[in-house]
Amino acid sequence: WYNGGMEHVTRHMIYSRFWYKFLYDIGEVPTSEPYAKRTAQGLILGPDGEKMSKSKGNVVDPNEVVDAYGADVLRTYILFMGDYASAAPWSETGVKGAKRFLDRFADVYDMADDTPSSKELESAIHKTIRKVDGDIEEMKFNTAIAAMMGLLNTIYAEKHISREDYRILVRLLCPFAPHLCEELWEKLGGEGLCSLAAWPQFDDAKT
């Protein structure tokens, strides 16, 4: 699987494929083609919708975003801002929206206790596990995050979630916001690193 930037993927493919074909011809690799599939991520455009350029003055410095909002917000926003393969313009409003989402997700800690979640919430959780699981496999990161945002609204409406179910959600969000999730995982009594914990499995019977 070859994944690369839209502006470089073709040249990189030609170059790497040339060498791989050579290695195949001399018997050093087992297959005639190096990649089973190719993907390319879309460009992040400037706030004006144009390609970022110093001469245009529309470049966004990611280090400044990290300083202002944290690395998890930057990471979550980039993955949420649009389809993985499509270009999308930078939006300061969108960055702030990602910050609000992560803040609200962290605040769920105060709603979690050892009593079971409601049947309705449990069903919503397992539907979200199935959605996020499938979307990550298909690189639909924006819709995976959207599903977690929707579930968060359900939790706030109920004002309660079990600690065990909250641990499930922390594991779901971890690929997108690892720093926050590692802290929450530790506070929730999770063993080891959240990023190395078993991935949640959905139960069709509970959906």
Protein backbone atom coordinates (compact mmCIF):
# COMPACT_ATOMS: atom_id res chain seq x y z
CA TRP A 1 0.00 0.00 0.00
CA TYR A 2 1.60 3.24 -1.15
CA ASN A 3 0.32 6.42 0.48
CA GLY A 4 1.81 9.82 -0.19
CA GLY A 5 1.27 13.46 -0.96
CA MET A 6 -0.75 14.31 -4.04
CA GLU A 7 2.04 16.36 -5.59
CA HIS A 8 4.70 13.67 -5.18
CA VAL A 9 2.95 10.31 -5.38
CA THR A 10 3.27 9.85 -9.16
CA ARG A 11 6.99 10.56 -9.31
CA HIS A 12 7.66 8.50 -6.21
CA MET A 13 5.66 5.63 -7.66
CA ILE A 14 7.62 5.69 -10.93
CA TYR A 15 10.96 5.78 -9.10
CA SER A 16 10.16 3.10 -6.50
CA ARG A 17 8.43 0.88 -9.07
CA PHE A 18 11.48 1.06 -11.35
CA TRP A 19 13.79 -0.18 -8.59
CA TYR A 20 11.33 -2.82 -7.45
CA LYS A 21 11.03 -4.16 -11.00
CA PHE A 22 14.81 -4.37 -11.13
CA LEU A 23 14.90 -6.28 -7.83
CA TYR A 24 12.22 -8.63 -9.18
CA ASP A 25 14.21 -9.25 -12.37
CA ILE A 26 17.26 -10.32 -10.37
CA GLY A 27 15.17 -12.52 -8.08
CA GLU A 28 15.41 -10.50 -4.85
CA VAL A 29 11.67 -9.87 -4.31
CA PRO A 30 8.78 -12.32 -4.75
CA THR A 31 6.19 -10.27 -6.67
CA SER A 32 6.31 -8.30 -9.90
CA GLU A 33 4.52 -5.21 -8.53
CA PRO A 34 5.49 -3.36 -5.36
CA TYR A 35 2.06 -2.03 -4.33
CA ALA A 36 -1.40 -3.53 -4.22
CA LYS A 37 -3.03 -0.10 -3.96
CA ARG A 38 -2.19 3.60 -4.00
CA THR A 39 -3.72 6.51 -2.09
CA ALA A 40 -2.82 10.18 -1.79
CA GLN A 41 -3.95 12.64 0.83
CA GLY A 42 -5.47 15.92 -0.29
CA LEU A 43 -3.75 19.27 0.09
CA ILE A 44 -4.50 21.54 3.01
CA LEU A 45 -5.22 24.89 1.39
CA GLY A 46 -4.81 28.32 2.91
CA PRO A 47 -7.75 30.06 4.62
CA ASP A 48 -8.40 31.81 1.29
CA GLY A 49 -8.94 28.47 -0.47
CA GLU A 50 -5.69 28.78 -2.43
CA LYS A 51 -2.59 26.60 -2.23
CA MET A 52 -0.44 27.73 0.70
CA SER A 53 2.45 29.93 -0.43
CA LYS A 54 4.77 32.30 1.43
CA SER A 55 4.44 34.79 -1.42
CA LYS A 56 0.66 34.81 -0.99
CA GLY A 57 0.93 35.17 2.76
CA ASN A 58 -1.60 32.41 3.41
CA VAL A 59 0.69 29.86 5.12
CA VAL A 60 -0.48 28.42 8.45
CA ASP A 61 2.35 27.43 10.80
CA PRO A 62 1.36 24.20 12.57
CA ASN A 63 3.74 24.98 15.44
CA GLU A 64 1.72 28.09 16.23
CA VAL A 65 -1.47 26.01 16.28
CA VAL A 66 0.16 23.51 18.65
CA ASP A 67 1.32 26.34 20.91
CA ALA A 68 -2.17 27.84 21.02
CA TYR A 69 -4.38 24.73 21.15
CA GLY A 70 -2.21 21.63 21.61
CA ALA A 71 -1.08 18.86 19.28
CA ASP A 72 -4.25 16.81 19.72
CA VAL A 73 -6.43 19.67 18.48
CA LEU A 74 -4.24 20.11 15.40
CA ARG A 75 -4.29 16.40 14.67
CA THR A 76 -8.04 16.01 15.23
CA TYR A 77 -8.89 19.04 13.13
CA ILE A 78 -6.73 17.95 10.18
CA LEU A 79 -8.36 14.51 10.20
CA PHE A 80 -11.84 16.04 10.52
CA MET A 81 -11.57 18.89 8.02
CA GLY A 82 -12.61 16.85 4.98
CA ASP A 83 -12.34 13.71 2.92
CA TYR A 84 -8.82 12.27 3.23
CA ALA A 85 -8.10 12.43 -0.50
CA SER A 86 -9.65 15.85 -1.16
CA ALA A 87 -8.22 19.33 -0.79
CA ALA A 88 -9.72 21.46 1.98
CA PRO A 89 -9.16 25.05 3.14
CA TRP A 90 -7.83 25.81 6.60
CA SER A 91 -10.40 27.24 9.00
CA GLU A 92 -9.63 28.84 12.35
CA THR A 93 -13.26 28.30 13.28
CA GLY A 94 -12.83 24.60 12.56
CA VAL A 95 -9.75 24.46 14.80
CA LYS A 96 -11.73 26.01 17.65
CA GLY A 97 -14.50 23.49 17.02
CA ALA A 98 -12.01 20.63 17.41
CA LYS A 99 -10.82 22.20 20.67
CA ARG A 100 -14.40 22.37 21.99
CA PHE A 101 -14.99 18.73 21.04
CA LEU A 102 -11.90 17.51 22.89
CA ASP A 103 -12.69 19.68 25.92
CA ARG A 104 -16.22 18.28 26.07
CA PHE A 105 -14.89 14.74 25.65
CA ALA A 106 -12.50 15.25 28.60
CA ASP A 107 -15.31 16.68 30.74
CA VAL A 108 -17.26 13.43 30.39
CA TYR A 109 -14.89 12.12 33.07
CA ASP A 110 -17.00 13.96 35.66
CA MET A 111 -20.14 12.11 34.46
CA ALA A 112 -18.61 8.63 34.66
CA ASP A 113 -19.14 6.28 37.58
CA ASP A 114 -19.46 2.57 38.27
CA THR A 115 -23.19 2.31 37.54
CA PRO A 116 -24.15 0.85 34.14
CA SER A 117 -24.97 3.05 31.18
CA SER A 118 -28.55 3.09 29.96
CA LYS A 119 -29.59 0.57 27.30
CA GLU A 120 -30.07 3.43 24.84
CA LEU A 121 -26.58 4.76 25.42
CA GLU A 122 -25.07 1.27 25.29
CA SER A 123 -26.71 0.76 21.89
CA ALA A 124 -25.38 4.12 20.65
CA ILE A 125 -21.89 3.19 21.85
CA HIS A 126 -21.81 -0.10 19.96
CA LYS A 127 -23.14 1.56 16.80
CA THR A 128 -20.34 4.11 17.13
CA ILE A 129 -17.70 1.40 17.62
CA ARG A 130 -18.88 -0.27 14.41
CA LYS A 131 -18.90 3.06 12.54
CA VAL A 132 -15.47 4.21 13.72
CA ASP A 133 -13.94 0.78 13.15
CA GLY A 134 -15.17 0.64 9.55
CA ASP A 135 -14.36 4.27 8.78
CA ILE A 136 -10.76 3.99 9.96
CA GLU A 137 -10.24 0.96 7.71
CA GLU A 138 -11.57 3.00 4.76
CA MET A 139 -9.60 6.12 5.78
CA LYS A 140 -12.82 8.06 6.38
CA PHE A 141 -11.39 9.76 9.42
CA ASN A 142 -13.69 12.78 9.21
CA THR A 143 -16.86 10.70 9.48
CA ALA A 144 -15.36 8.60 12.28
CA ILE A 145 -14.81 11.77 14.30
CA ALA A 146 -18.29 13.01 13.38
CA ALA A 147 -19.75 9.78 14.76
CA MET A 148 -17.94 10.33 18.07
CA MET A 149 -19.21 13.92 18.18
CA GLY A 150 -22.75 12.63 17.76
CA LEU A 151 -22.28 10.09 20.54
CA LEU A 152 -20.92 12.82 22.80
CA ASN A 153 -24.18 14.73 22.41
CA THR A 154 -26.08 11.62 23.51
CA ILE A 155 -23.88 11.29 26.61
CA TYR A 156 -24.43 14.95 27.54
CA ALA A 157 -28.18 14.52 27.11
CA GLU A 158 -28.12 11.60 29.57
CA LYS A 159 -25.53 13.26 31.85
CA HIS A 160 -24.09 9.85 32.71
CA ILE A 161 -21.92 7.03 31.38
CA SER A 162 -20.32 4.03 33.06
CA ARG A 163 -16.58 4.20 33.60
CA GLU A 164 -16.16 1.01 31.59
CA ASP A 165 -18.01 2.47 28.61
CA TYR A 166 -16.01 5.69 28.91
CA ARG A 167 -12.83 3.62 28.71
CA ILE A 168 -14.16 2.19 25.44
CA LEU A 169 -14.65 5.68 24.04
CA VAL A 170 -11.19 6.77 25.15
CA ARG A 171 -9.72 3.88 23.15
CA LEU A 172 -11.82 4.87 20.11
CA LEU A 173 -10.58 8.45 20.22
CA CYS A 174 -6.95 7.55 20.98
CA PRO A 175 -5.77 7.32 17.32
CA PHE A 176 -7.03 10.88 16.79
CA ALA A 177 -6.10 12.54 20.12
CA PRO A 178 -3.46 10.31 21.74
CA HIS A 179 -2.11 12.73 24.35
CA LEU A 180 -5.51 13.48 25.87
CA CYS A 181 -6.57 9.85 25.72
CA GLU A 182 -3.43 8.59 27.46
CA GLU A 183 -4.14 10.98 30.34
CA LEU A 184 -7.78 9.94 30.57
CA TRP A 185 -6.83 6.26 30.32
CA GLU A 186 -4.53 6.62 33.31
CA LYS A 187 -7.17 8.53 35.31
CA LEU A 188 -9.71 5.78 34.51
CA GLY A 189 -7.39 3.06 35.81
CA GLY A 190 -6.45 1.61 32.44
CA GLU A 191 -3.44 -0.68 32.41
CA GLY A 192 -0.40 0.20 30.33
CA LEU A 193 -0.69 2.59 27.40
CA CYS A 194 -4.09 3.30 25.87
CA SER A 195 -2.50 3.19 22.41
CA LEU A 196 -1.47 -0.43 23.06
CA ALA A 197 -4.76 -1.53 24.63
CA ALA A 198 -7.07 -3.93 22.80
CA TRP A 199 -9.26 -2.20 20.22
CA PRO A 200 -12.97 -2.13 21.21
CA GLN A 201 -15.22 -4.73 19.58
CA PHE A 202 -18.84 -3.96 18.76
CA ASP A 203 -21.63 -6.34 19.72
CA ASP A 204 -24.40 -6.60 17.10
CA ALA A 205 -26.79 -7.82 19.78
CA LYS A 206 -26.44 -4.46 21.57
CA THR A 207 -27.00 -2.27 18.53
